[in-house]
Amino acid sequence: MAGETTALITFAQRSVFEEIHGPAGSRIWRPGYLAALVEKHIPVWVITPIAHAAHSKPRHQIVVSNPDIEGPLEMDLMPMMASLFDQGNRELKAQGEQEGLLHSAGNRWWINSKSRESDIDEEFDGSSEAVDRFQQTEDRFPSGKIYELSFPIVADRCRVTILRYPNSLLSSSGDIWLRSIGCDVDVFTLNRYLHTDEEGK
């Protein structure tokens, strides 16, 4: 089923030097990863390295939104971003490995959910002919422990920018939550301009 992208979030390395020495007193912005929220029957995040990190691994990842999470959708991104921005964190890596959620490519590792496919089920008609086949997929998500480890890492190491489209599943409560855990957040909202006959006169 096709989906619609309704929000973009970029994560950049947080640097005191860049914040102080930006051009004309402005902060230097070096985005590293772009997460696009695609709204389908189950929301998913499509994550891609961009700008200076464009050739980093992983090149492309899908993060399935955790339906059991008690928090804003932005929380889905915390384990993966924390692991990518803190490659030396042994505790987070060990926890991800313990839960079977550790992924790697070359010398880089990251934490993401995993899917497990069950046996194929078939539906039969009255003459015992198979008329349909379907396969259930079970997603395994990070534990509360991984989320707990991830929050301070993202707050300490990342700058976050959110672009929210009209009618997006993302709400302003996510901005408030990110700031409450100490994240440096910039928020932009895309507004649709409606031209009317009255305005054209």
N, C-alpha and C. Protein backbone atom coordinates (compact mmCIF):
# COMPACT_ATOMS: atom_id res chain seq x y z
N MET A 1 0.84 -1.18 0.00
CA MET A 1 0.00 0.00 0.00
C MET A 1 0.89 1.25 0.00
N ALA A 2 0.57 2.20 -0.89
CA ALA A 2 1.36 3.42 -0.98
C ALA A 2 1.12 4.28 0.25
N GLY A 3 2.11 5.10 0.58
CA GLY A 3 1.99 5.98 1.73
C GLY A 3 2.30 7.41 1.33
N GLU A 4 2.09 8.32 2.25
CA GLU A 4 2.33 9.74 2.02
C GLU A 4 3.33 10.25 3.04
N THR A 5 4.34 10.97 2.57
CA THR A 5 5.33 11.57 3.46
C THR A 5 4.75 12.84 4.07
N THR A 6 4.68 12.90 5.39
CA THR A 6 4.05 14.05 6.05
C THR A 6 4.97 14.78 7.03
N ALA A 7 6.22 14.33 7.15
CA ALA A 7 7.15 15.03 8.04
C ALA A 7 8.57 14.62 7.68
N LEU A 8 9.50 15.54 7.90
CA LEU A 8 10.93 15.27 7.72
C LEU A 8 11.66 15.69 8.98
N ILE A 9 12.58 14.85 9.43
CA ILE A 9 13.40 15.20 10.60
C ILE A 9 14.86 14.97 10.23
N THR A 10 15.70 15.96 10.48
CA THR A 10 17.13 15.79 10.25
C THR A 10 17.87 15.78 11.58
N PHE A 11 18.89 14.95 11.64
CA PHE A 11 19.75 14.85 12.81
C PHE A 11 21.16 15.27 12.40
N ALA A 12 21.75 16.14 13.18
CA ALA A 12 23.10 16.62 12.89
C ALA A 12 23.96 16.48 14.14
N GLN A 13 25.28 16.43 13.91
CA GLN A 13 26.21 16.37 15.03
C GLN A 13 26.13 17.67 15.82
N ARG A 14 25.97 17.57 17.11
CA ARG A 14 25.94 18.75 17.97
C ARG A 14 27.37 19.12 18.33
N SER A 15 27.77 20.37 18.03
CA SER A 15 29.15 20.80 18.26
C SER A 15 29.15 22.20 18.84
N VAL A 16 29.76 22.36 20.00
CA VAL A 16 29.85 23.67 20.63
C VAL A 16 30.68 24.61 19.76
N PHE A 17 31.75 24.09 19.14
CA PHE A 17 32.59 24.91 18.27
C PHE A 17 31.78 25.47 17.12
N GLU A 18 30.98 24.63 16.48
CA GLU A 18 30.19 25.08 15.34
C GLU A 18 29.10 26.05 15.78
N GLU A 19 28.55 25.86 16.98
CA GLU A 19 27.53 26.77 17.45
C GLU A 19 28.10 28.15 17.76
N ILE A 20 29.37 28.21 18.18
CA ILE A 20 29.98 29.49 18.54
C ILE A 20 30.58 30.18 17.32
N HIS A 21 31.15 29.40 16.39
CA HIS A 21 31.92 29.97 15.29
C HIS A 21 31.19 29.96 13.95
N GLY A 22 29.88 29.89 13.97
CA GLY A 22 29.12 29.93 12.72
C GLY A 22 29.25 31.29 12.05
N PRO A 23 29.00 31.38 10.73
CA PRO A 23 29.12 32.66 10.01
C PRO A 23 28.15 33.70 10.55
N ALA A 24 28.65 34.93 10.73
CA ALA A 24 27.84 36.05 11.20
C ALA A 24 27.10 35.74 12.50
N GLY A 25 27.73 34.93 13.34
CA GLY A 25 27.14 34.61 14.63
C GLY A 25 26.07 33.54 14.56
N SER A 26 25.76 33.03 13.36
CA SER A 26 24.76 31.97 13.25
C SER A 26 25.42 30.62 13.46
N ARG A 27 24.63 29.63 13.78
CA ARG A 27 25.17 28.31 14.04
C ARG A 27 25.40 27.54 12.73
N ILE A 28 26.51 26.84 12.64
CA ILE A 28 26.77 26.01 11.47
C ILE A 28 25.87 24.78 11.53
N TRP A 29 25.30 24.43 10.40
CA TRP A 29 24.35 23.31 10.34
C TRP A 29 24.90 22.25 9.41
N ARG A 30 25.25 21.09 9.95
CA ARG A 30 25.80 20.00 9.17
C ARG A 30 24.94 18.76 9.36
N PRO A 31 23.80 18.66 8.66
CA PRO A 31 22.92 17.50 8.84
C PRO A 31 23.60 16.21 8.43
N GLY A 32 23.27 15.14 9.15
CA GLY A 32 23.88 13.84 8.86
C GLY A 32 22.89 12.78 8.42
N TYR A 33 21.67 12.81 8.98
CA TYR A 33 20.67 11.80 8.63
C TYR A 33 19.30 12.45 8.47
N LEU A 34 18.57 11.99 7.47
CA LEU A 34 17.22 12.47 7.21
C LEU A 34 16.23 11.35 7.45
N ALA A 35 15.21 11.61 8.27
CA ALA A 35 14.14 10.64 8.52
C ALA A 35 12.84 11.18 7.96
N ALA A 36 12.24 10.45 7.04
CA ALA A 36 10.96 10.85 6.45
C ALA A 36 9.86 9.98 7.02
N LEU A 37 8.83 10.62 7.57
CA LEU A 37 7.70 9.87 8.11
C LEU A 37 6.72 9.56 6.97
N VAL A 38 6.55 8.28 6.69
CA VAL A 38 5.62 7.84 5.65
C VAL A 38 4.40 7.24 6.33
N GLU A 39 3.26 7.87 6.14
CA GLU A 39 2.03 7.43 6.79
C GLU A 39 1.34 6.39 5.92
N LYS A 40 1.27 5.17 6.43
CA LYS A 40 0.58 4.06 5.77
C LYS A 40 -0.37 3.47 6.79
N HIS A 41 -0.82 2.24 6.59
CA HIS A 41 -1.64 1.60 7.62
C HIS A 41 -0.86 1.47 8.91
N ILE A 42 0.48 1.32 8.79
CA ILE A 42 1.39 1.41 9.93
C ILE A 42 2.43 2.46 9.56
N PRO A 43 2.57 3.54 10.34
CA PRO A 43 3.57 4.56 9.99
C PRO A 43 4.99 3.98 10.02
N VAL A 44 5.82 4.40 9.07
CA VAL A 44 7.22 3.98 9.05
C VAL A 44 8.10 5.20 8.83
N TRP A 45 9.33 5.08 9.27
CA TRP A 45 10.34 6.11 9.03
C TRP A 45 11.33 5.57 8.01
N VAL A 46 11.62 6.37 6.98
CA VAL A 46 12.64 6.01 6.00
C VAL A 46 13.85 6.88 6.30
N ILE A 47 14.97 6.26 6.68
CA ILE A 47 16.15 6.99 7.14
C ILE A 47 17.28 6.86 6.12
N THR A 48 17.85 8.02 5.77
CA THR A 48 18.90 8.07 4.75
C THR A 48 20.01 9.00 5.22
N PRO A 49 21.28 8.60 5.08
CA PRO A 49 22.37 9.54 5.38
C PRO A 49 22.45 10.61 4.29
N ILE A 50 22.69 11.84 4.69
CA ILE A 50 22.73 12.96 3.73
C ILE A 50 23.94 13.84 4.01
N ALA A 51 24.15 14.83 3.14
CA ALA A 51 25.20 15.84 3.28
C ALA A 51 26.55 15.17 3.55
N HIS A 52 27.26 15.61 4.62
CA HIS A 52 28.61 15.08 4.85
C HIS A 52 28.61 13.59 5.18
N ALA A 53 27.45 13.05 5.60
CA ALA A 53 27.35 11.63 5.94
C ALA A 53 26.77 10.80 4.79
N ALA A 54 26.68 11.39 3.60
CA ALA A 54 25.96 10.75 2.50
C ALA A 54 26.48 9.37 2.14
N HIS A 55 27.76 9.12 2.37
CA HIS A 55 28.33 7.83 1.99
C HIS A 55 28.50 6.90 3.20
N SER A 56 27.89 7.29 4.31
CA SER A 56 27.98 6.46 5.51
C SER A 56 27.08 5.24 5.40
N LYS A 57 27.34 4.26 6.23
CA LYS A 57 26.47 3.11 6.34
C LYS A 57 25.75 3.18 7.68
N PRO A 58 24.49 2.73 7.70
CA PRO A 58 23.71 2.14 6.61
C PRO A 58 23.23 3.19 5.63
N ARG A 59 23.12 2.83 4.35
CA ARG A 59 22.70 3.77 3.32
C ARG A 59 21.20 4.06 3.41
N HIS A 60 20.43 3.07 3.83
CA HIS A 60 18.97 3.22 3.79
C HIS A 60 18.37 2.25 4.81
N GLN A 61 17.51 2.78 5.68
CA GLN A 61 16.89 1.94 6.71
C GLN A 61 15.41 2.30 6.87
N ILE A 62 14.61 1.30 7.19
CA ILE A 62 13.20 1.51 7.51
C ILE A 62 13.03 1.24 9.00
N VAL A 63 12.44 2.20 9.71
CA VAL A 63 12.12 2.03 11.12
C VAL A 63 10.59 1.98 11.23
N VAL A 64 10.07 0.84 11.64
CA VAL A 64 8.62 0.67 11.78
C VAL A 64 8.19 1.30 13.10
N SER A 65 7.12 2.09 13.06
CA SER A 65 6.64 2.74 14.27
C SER A 65 6.15 1.71 15.28
N ASN A 66 6.62 1.85 16.50
CA ASN A 66 6.28 0.92 17.57
C ASN A 66 4.87 1.22 18.10
N PRO A 67 3.91 0.33 17.87
CA PRO A 67 2.52 0.62 18.29
C PRO A 67 2.33 0.63 19.80
N ASP A 68 3.28 0.06 20.54
CA ASP A 68 3.14 -0.02 22.00
C ASP A 68 3.87 1.10 22.73
N ILE A 69 4.48 1.98 21.98
CA ILE A 69 5.28 3.02 22.62
C ILE A 69 4.36 4.06 23.26
N GLU A 70 4.71 4.47 24.44
CA GLU A 70 3.92 5.49 25.14
C GLU A 70 4.64 6.82 25.05
N GLY A 71 4.50 7.44 23.89
CA GLY A 71 5.19 8.70 23.65
C GLY A 71 5.00 9.13 22.22
N PRO A 72 5.57 10.26 21.83
CA PRO A 72 5.40 10.77 20.47
C PRO A 72 6.13 9.90 19.45
N LEU A 73 5.75 10.04 18.18
CA LEU A 73 6.36 9.23 17.12
C LEU A 73 7.87 9.46 17.00
N GLU A 74 8.34 10.64 17.38
CA GLU A 74 9.78 10.92 17.31
C GLU A 74 10.59 9.92 18.13
N MET A 75 9.95 9.33 19.14
CA MET A 75 10.64 8.37 20.00
C MET A 75 11.12 7.14 19.22
N ASP A 76 10.42 6.80 18.13
CA ASP A 76 10.82 5.66 17.31
C ASP A 76 12.26 5.78 16.82
N LEU A 77 12.73 7.01 16.61
CA LEU A 77 14.03 7.24 15.99
C LEU A 77 15.18 7.22 16.99
N MET A 78 14.90 7.28 18.27
CA MET A 78 15.95 7.46 19.27
C MET A 78 16.98 6.33 19.30
N PRO A 79 16.58 5.04 19.33
CA PRO A 79 17.60 3.98 19.40
C PRO A 79 18.57 3.99 18.23
N MET A 80 18.05 4.15 17.01
CA MET A 80 18.93 4.13 15.85
C MET A 80 19.84 5.35 15.82
N MET A 81 19.30 6.54 16.08
CA MET A 81 20.12 7.74 16.05
C MET A 81 21.18 7.72 17.15
N ALA A 82 20.80 7.25 18.34
CA ALA A 82 21.77 7.18 19.43
C ALA A 82 22.93 6.26 19.06
N SER A 83 22.62 5.12 18.46
CA SER A 83 23.69 4.18 18.11
C SER A 83 24.57 4.73 16.99
N LEU A 84 24.00 5.42 16.01
CA LEU A 84 24.80 5.96 14.91
C LEU A 84 25.69 7.11 15.36
N PHE A 85 25.22 7.91 16.32
CA PHE A 85 25.98 9.06 16.76
C PHE A 85 26.89 8.77 17.96
N ASP A 86 26.83 7.56 18.50
CA ASP A 86 27.72 7.19 19.61
C ASP A 86 28.21 5.77 19.40
N GLN A 87 29.10 5.60 18.41
CA GLN A 87 29.59 4.28 18.04
C GLN A 87 30.44 3.63 19.13
N GLY A 88 30.92 4.42 20.07
CA GLY A 88 31.75 3.87 21.13
C GLY A 88 30.99 3.46 22.38
N ASN A 89 29.67 3.52 22.35
CA ASN A 89 28.87 3.23 23.54
C ASN A 89 28.70 1.72 23.71
N ARG A 90 29.50 1.14 24.57
CA ARG A 90 29.48 -0.32 24.75
C ARG A 90 28.20 -0.82 25.41
N GLU A 91 27.66 -0.02 26.34
CA GLU A 91 26.46 -0.45 27.05
C GLU A 91 25.27 -0.54 26.09
N LEU A 92 25.11 0.47 25.24
CA LEU A 92 24.01 0.47 24.28
C LEU A 92 24.18 -0.66 23.27
N LYS A 93 25.40 -0.85 22.81
CA LYS A 93 25.67 -1.92 21.84
C LYS A 93 25.37 -3.29 22.44
N ALA A 94 25.81 -3.49 23.68
CA ALA A 94 25.59 -4.78 24.34
C ALA A 94 24.09 -5.04 24.55
N GLN A 95 23.35 -3.99 24.89
CA GLN A 95 21.91 -4.15 25.11
C GLN A 95 21.20 -4.49 23.79
N GLY A 96 21.61 -3.84 22.72
CA GLY A 96 21.03 -4.14 21.41
C GLY A 96 21.33 -5.56 20.97
N GLU A 97 22.55 -6.01 21.26
CA GLU A 97 22.93 -7.38 20.91
C GLU A 97 22.16 -8.39 21.75
N GLN A 98 21.99 -8.09 23.03
CA GLN A 98 21.25 -8.97 23.93
C GLN A 98 19.80 -9.14 23.48
N GLU A 99 19.21 -8.08 22.94
CA GLU A 99 17.82 -8.14 22.50
C GLU A 99 17.68 -8.62 21.05
N GLY A 100 18.81 -8.90 20.40
CA GLY A 100 18.76 -9.38 19.02
C GLY A 100 18.39 -8.31 18.01
N LEU A 101 18.68 -7.04 18.33
CA LEU A 101 18.31 -5.93 17.46
C LEU A 101 19.52 -5.21 16.88
N LEU A 102 20.69 -5.83 17.00
CA LEU A 102 21.92 -5.20 16.53
C LEU A 102 22.13 -5.51 15.05
N HIS A 103 22.39 -4.48 14.27
CA HIS A 103 22.69 -4.61 12.85
C HIS A 103 24.09 -4.03 12.62
N SER A 104 24.78 -4.48 11.59
CA SER A 104 26.10 -3.94 11.31
C SER A 104 26.42 -4.03 9.83
N ALA A 105 27.33 -3.14 9.41
CA ALA A 105 27.86 -3.16 8.05
C ALA A 105 29.27 -2.61 8.12
N GLY A 106 30.26 -3.43 7.77
CA GLY A 106 31.64 -3.01 7.92
C GLY A 106 31.95 -2.81 9.39
N ASN A 107 32.49 -1.64 9.73
CA ASN A 107 32.82 -1.38 11.14
C ASN A 107 31.77 -0.52 11.83
N ARG A 108 30.61 -0.33 11.19
CA ARG A 108 29.54 0.46 11.82
C ARG A 108 28.43 -0.46 12.30
N TRP A 109 27.78 -0.07 13.38
CA TRP A 109 26.67 -0.84 13.93
C TRP A 109 25.53 0.12 14.27
N TRP A 110 24.34 -0.41 14.37
CA TRP A 110 23.19 0.39 14.74
C TRP A 110 22.10 -0.52 15.29
N ILE A 111 21.14 0.08 15.96
CA ILE A 111 20.02 -0.66 16.55
C ILE A 111 18.75 -0.31 15.79
N ASN A 112 18.02 -1.34 15.41
CA ASN A 112 16.74 -1.15 14.73
C ASN A 112 15.87 -2.37 15.03
N SER A 113 14.57 -2.20 14.84
CA SER A 113 13.66 -3.32 15.06
C SER A 113 13.93 -4.42 14.04
N LYS A 114 13.44 -5.61 14.31
CA LYS A 114 13.59 -6.73 13.39
C LYS A 114 12.23 -7.37 13.17
N SER A 115 12.05 -7.89 11.96
CA SER A 115 10.80 -8.57 11.62
C SER A 115 11.03 -10.06 11.50
N ARG A 116 10.07 -10.82 11.97
CA ARG A 116 10.13 -12.29 11.85
C ARG A 116 8.87 -12.75 11.13
N GLU A 117 9.07 -13.49 10.05
CA GLU A 117 7.92 -13.97 9.27
C GLU A 117 7.51 -15.36 9.75
N SER A 118 6.22 -15.54 9.92
CA SER A 118 5.69 -16.83 10.36
C SER A 118 5.40 -17.70 9.14
N ASP A 119 4.87 -18.88 9.39
CA ASP A 119 4.54 -19.79 8.30
C ASP A 119 3.47 -19.17 7.40
N ILE A 120 3.45 -19.62 6.15
CA ILE A 120 2.45 -19.14 5.20
C ILE A 120 1.12 -19.83 5.46
N ASP A 121 0.07 -19.03 5.59
CA ASP A 121 -1.29 -19.56 5.76
C ASP A 121 -2.02 -19.50 4.42
N GLU A 122 -2.85 -20.49 4.18
CA GLU A 122 -3.59 -20.55 2.92
C GLU A 122 -5.09 -20.63 3.19
N GLU A 123 -5.86 -20.03 2.30
CA GLU A 123 -7.32 -20.14 2.34
C GLU A 123 -7.76 -21.00 1.16
N PHE A 124 -8.71 -21.90 1.43
CA PHE A 124 -9.16 -22.84 0.40
C PHE A 124 -10.64 -22.61 0.10
N ASP A 125 -11.02 -22.94 -1.14
CA ASP A 125 -12.43 -22.87 -1.49
C ASP A 125 -13.08 -24.23 -1.24
N GLY A 126 -14.33 -24.38 -1.63
CA GLY A 126 -15.07 -25.62 -1.36
C GLY A 126 -14.48 -26.84 -2.02
N SER A 127 -13.71 -26.67 -3.11
CA SER A 127 -13.10 -27.81 -3.80
C SER A 127 -11.66 -28.04 -3.38
N SER A 128 -11.28 -27.46 -2.22
CA SER A 128 -9.94 -27.62 -1.64
C SER A 128 -8.84 -27.00 -2.49
N GLU A 129 -9.21 -26.03 -3.33
CA GLU A 129 -8.20 -25.30 -4.10
C GLU A 129 -7.77 -24.06 -3.31
N ALA A 130 -6.47 -23.80 -3.26
CA ALA A 130 -5.97 -22.62 -2.55
C ALA A 130 -6.37 -21.36 -3.32
N VAL A 131 -7.07 -20.47 -2.64
CA VAL A 131 -7.51 -19.24 -3.29
C VAL A 131 -6.75 -18.01 -2.80
N ASP A 132 -6.04 -18.15 -1.69
CA ASP A 132 -5.27 -17.01 -1.18
C ASP A 132 -4.17 -17.51 -0.25
N ARG A 133 -3.05 -16.80 -0.25
CA ARG A 133 -1.93 -17.11 0.65
C ARG A 133 -1.50 -15.81 1.32
N PHE A 134 -1.23 -15.89 2.60
CA PHE A 134 -0.74 -14.72 3.29
C PHE A 134 0.22 -15.13 4.39
N GLN A 135 1.11 -14.21 4.73
CA GLN A 135 2.15 -14.49 5.71
C GLN A 135 2.14 -13.40 6.78
N GLN A 136 2.03 -13.80 8.01
CA GLN A 136 2.04 -12.85 9.11
C GLN A 136 3.48 -12.42 9.40
N THR A 137 3.65 -11.16 9.75
CA THR A 137 4.96 -10.63 10.12
C THR A 137 4.92 -10.11 11.55
N GLU A 138 5.85 -10.56 12.35
CA GLU A 138 5.92 -10.12 13.74
C GLU A 138 7.15 -9.22 13.91
N ASP A 139 6.93 -8.00 14.38
CA ASP A 139 8.03 -7.05 14.57
C ASP A 139 8.49 -7.06 16.01
N ARG A 140 9.80 -7.11 16.19
CA ARG A 140 10.40 -7.05 17.52
C ARG A 140 11.02 -5.66 17.70
N PHE A 141 10.60 -4.94 18.74
CA PHE A 141 11.02 -3.55 18.94
C PHE A 141 11.98 -3.43 20.13
N PRO A 142 12.74 -2.33 20.18
CA PRO A 142 13.65 -2.11 21.32
C PRO A 142 12.89 -2.06 22.64
N SER A 143 13.56 -2.48 23.69
CA SER A 143 12.96 -2.46 25.03
C SER A 143 13.02 -1.05 25.62
N GLY A 144 12.34 -0.89 26.75
CA GLY A 144 12.40 0.37 27.47
C GLY A 144 13.82 0.73 27.88
N LYS A 145 14.64 -0.29 28.15
CA LYS A 145 16.03 -0.05 28.54
C LYS A 145 16.80 0.63 27.42
N ILE A 146 16.59 0.18 26.18
CA ILE A 146 17.28 0.80 25.04
C ILE A 146 16.83 2.24 24.86
N TYR A 147 15.53 2.47 24.97
CA TYR A 147 15.04 3.86 24.86
C TYR A 147 15.66 4.72 25.95
N GLU A 148 15.70 4.19 27.16
CA GLU A 148 16.26 4.93 28.29
C GLU A 148 17.72 5.30 28.06
N LEU A 149 18.49 4.38 27.47
CA LEU A 149 19.90 4.66 27.17
C LEU A 149 20.04 5.65 26.02
N SER A 150 19.07 5.64 25.11
CA SER A 150 19.17 6.46 23.90
C SER A 150 18.91 7.94 24.13
N PHE A 151 17.96 8.26 25.00
CA PHE A 151 17.55 9.65 25.16
C PHE A 151 18.71 10.60 25.49
N PRO A 152 19.54 10.32 26.52
CA PRO A 152 20.61 11.27 26.83
C PRO A 152 21.67 11.36 25.74
N ILE A 153 21.85 10.29 24.97
CA ILE A 153 22.84 10.32 23.88
C ILE A 153 22.39 11.29 22.80
N VAL A 154 21.14 11.17 22.38
CA VAL A 154 20.62 12.07 21.34
C VAL A 154 20.63 13.51 21.85
N ALA A 155 20.25 13.73 23.08
CA ALA A 155 20.23 15.08 23.65
C ALA A 155 21.63 15.68 23.69
N ASP A 156 22.61 14.87 23.98
CA ASP A 156 23.98 15.36 24.13
C ASP A 156 24.69 15.53 22.79
N ARG A 157 24.38 14.68 21.83
CA ARG A 157 25.18 14.63 20.60
C ARG A 157 24.49 15.17 19.35
N CYS A 158 23.17 15.37 19.39
CA CYS A 158 22.44 15.70 18.16
C CYS A 158 21.73 17.04 18.22
N ARG A 159 21.68 17.68 17.06
CA ARG A 159 20.75 18.77 16.83
C ARG A 159 19.66 18.22 15.93
N VAL A 160 18.43 18.60 16.21
CA VAL A 160 17.29 18.03 15.51
C VAL A 160 16.48 19.14 14.85
N THR A 161 16.10 18.93 13.59
CA THR A 161 15.21 19.86 12.91
C THR A 161 14.00 19.10 12.39
N ILE A 162 12.82 19.62 12.67
CA ILE A 162 11.57 18.96 12.27
C ILE A 162 10.84 19.85 11.27
N LEU A 163 10.45 19.27 10.14
CA LEU A 163 9.56 19.93 9.19
C LEU A 163 8.28 19.13 9.16
N ARG A 164 7.21 19.74 9.63
CA ARG A 164 5.93 19.05 9.76
C ARG A 164 4.94 19.58 8.73
N TYR A 165 4.39 18.68 7.91
CA TYR A 165 3.42 19.06 6.90
C TYR A 165 2.03 19.18 7.54
N PRO A 166 1.09 19.86 6.88
CA PRO A 166 -0.28 19.92 7.43
C PRO A 166 -0.88 18.52 7.57
N ASN A 167 -1.63 18.33 8.63
CA ASN A 167 -2.34 17.06 8.90
C ASN A 167 -1.39 15.89 9.14
N SER A 168 -0.17 16.17 9.58
CA SER A 168 0.77 15.09 9.87
C SER A 168 0.42 14.42 11.19
N LEU A 169 0.82 13.15 11.31
CA LEU A 169 0.66 12.45 12.58
C LEU A 169 1.53 13.07 13.67
N LEU A 170 2.61 13.74 13.27
CA LEU A 170 3.45 14.40 14.27
C LEU A 170 2.68 15.57 14.87
N SER A 171 2.76 15.71 16.17
CA SER A 171 2.08 16.81 16.85
C SER A 171 3.09 17.65 17.60
N SER A 172 2.65 18.80 18.08
CA SER A 172 3.55 19.69 18.83
C SER A 172 4.00 19.07 20.13
N SER A 173 3.29 18.04 20.60
CA SER A 173 3.72 17.39 21.84
C SER A 173 5.08 16.73 21.66
N GLY A 174 5.41 16.33 20.42
CA GLY A 174 6.72 15.75 20.15
C GLY A 174 7.83 16.77 20.32
N ASP A 175 7.58 18.02 19.89
CA ASP A 175 8.57 19.08 20.07
C ASP A 175 8.82 19.31 21.55
N ILE A 176 7.74 19.37 22.32
CA ILE A 176 7.85 19.60 23.76
C ILE A 176 8.60 18.46 24.42
N TRP A 177 8.29 17.21 24.01
CA TRP A 177 8.95 16.05 24.60
C TRP A 177 10.45 16.07 24.30
N LEU A 178 10.83 16.36 23.05
CA LEU A 178 12.25 16.40 22.69
C LEU A 178 13.00 17.44 23.52
N ARG A 179 12.39 18.59 23.70
CA ARG A 179 13.05 19.63 24.50
C ARG A 179 13.10 19.23 25.98
N SER A 180 12.10 18.48 26.43
CA SER A 180 12.08 18.08 27.84
C SER A 180 13.22 17.12 28.18
N ILE A 181 13.70 16.36 27.19
CA ILE A 181 14.83 15.46 27.46
C ILE A 181 16.16 16.12 27.12
N GLY A 182 16.12 17.40 26.76
CA GLY A 182 17.34 18.16 26.55
C GLY A 182 17.80 18.30 25.12
N CYS A 183 16.96 17.92 24.15
CA CYS A 183 17.37 18.00 22.74
C CYS A 183 17.33 19.44 22.24
N ASP A 184 18.27 19.76 21.36
CA ASP A 184 18.32 21.03 20.66
C ASP A 184 17.45 20.89 19.42
N VAL A 185 16.28 21.54 19.40
CA VAL A 185 15.29 21.30 18.35
C VAL A 185 14.86 22.59 17.66
N ASP A 186 14.87 22.55 16.33
CA ASP A 186 14.26 23.61 15.51
C ASP A 186 13.04 23.00 14.83
N VAL A 187 11.94 23.74 14.79
CA VAL A 187 10.70 23.21 14.23
C VAL A 187 10.17 24.15 13.15
N PHE A 188 9.80 23.58 12.01
CA PHE A 188 9.20 24.33 10.92
C PHE A 188 7.90 23.63 10.52
N THR A 189 6.90 24.42 10.18
CA THR A 189 5.62 23.86 9.75
C THR A 189 5.31 24.36 8.35
N LEU A 190 4.97 23.45 7.46
CA LEU A 190 4.62 23.81 6.10
C LEU A 190 3.15 24.20 6.06
N ASN A 191 2.86 25.45 5.69
CA ASN A 191 1.49 25.93 5.59
C ASN A 191 1.08 26.04 4.14
N ARG A 192 -0.08 25.52 3.81
CA ARG A 192 -0.59 25.63 2.45
C ARG A 192 -1.26 26.98 2.28
N TYR A 193 -0.86 27.68 1.22
CA TYR A 193 -1.47 28.98 0.93
C TYR A 193 -2.62 28.77 -0.03
N LEU A 194 -3.80 29.18 0.36
CA LEU A 194 -4.99 29.01 -0.46
C LEU A 194 -5.33 30.34 -1.13
N HIS A 195 -5.31 30.37 -2.48
CA HIS A 195 -5.62 31.57 -3.22
C HIS A 195 -7.13 31.60 -3.50
N THR A 196 -7.77 32.70 -3.19
CA THR A 196 -9.21 32.84 -3.44
C THR A 196 -9.45 33.95 -4.44
N ASP A 197 -10.64 34.01 -4.98
CA ASP A 197 -10.99 35.07 -5.92
C ASP A 197 -10.93 36.44 -5.25
N GLU A 198 -11.28 36.46 -3.96
CA GLU A 198 -11.26 37.73 -3.25
C GLU A 198 -9.84 38.27 -3.15
N GLU A 199 -8.87 37.35 -2.93
CA GLU A 199 -7.47 37.77 -2.80
C GLU A 199 -6.92 38.25 -4.14
N GLY A 200 -7.45 37.71 -5.22
CA GLY A 200 -6.93 38.08 -6.54
C GLY A 200 -7.44 39.42 -7.03
N LYS A 201 -8.45 39.98 -6.36
CA LYS A 201 -8.99 41.27 -6.81
C LYS A 201 -8.15 42.43 -6.32
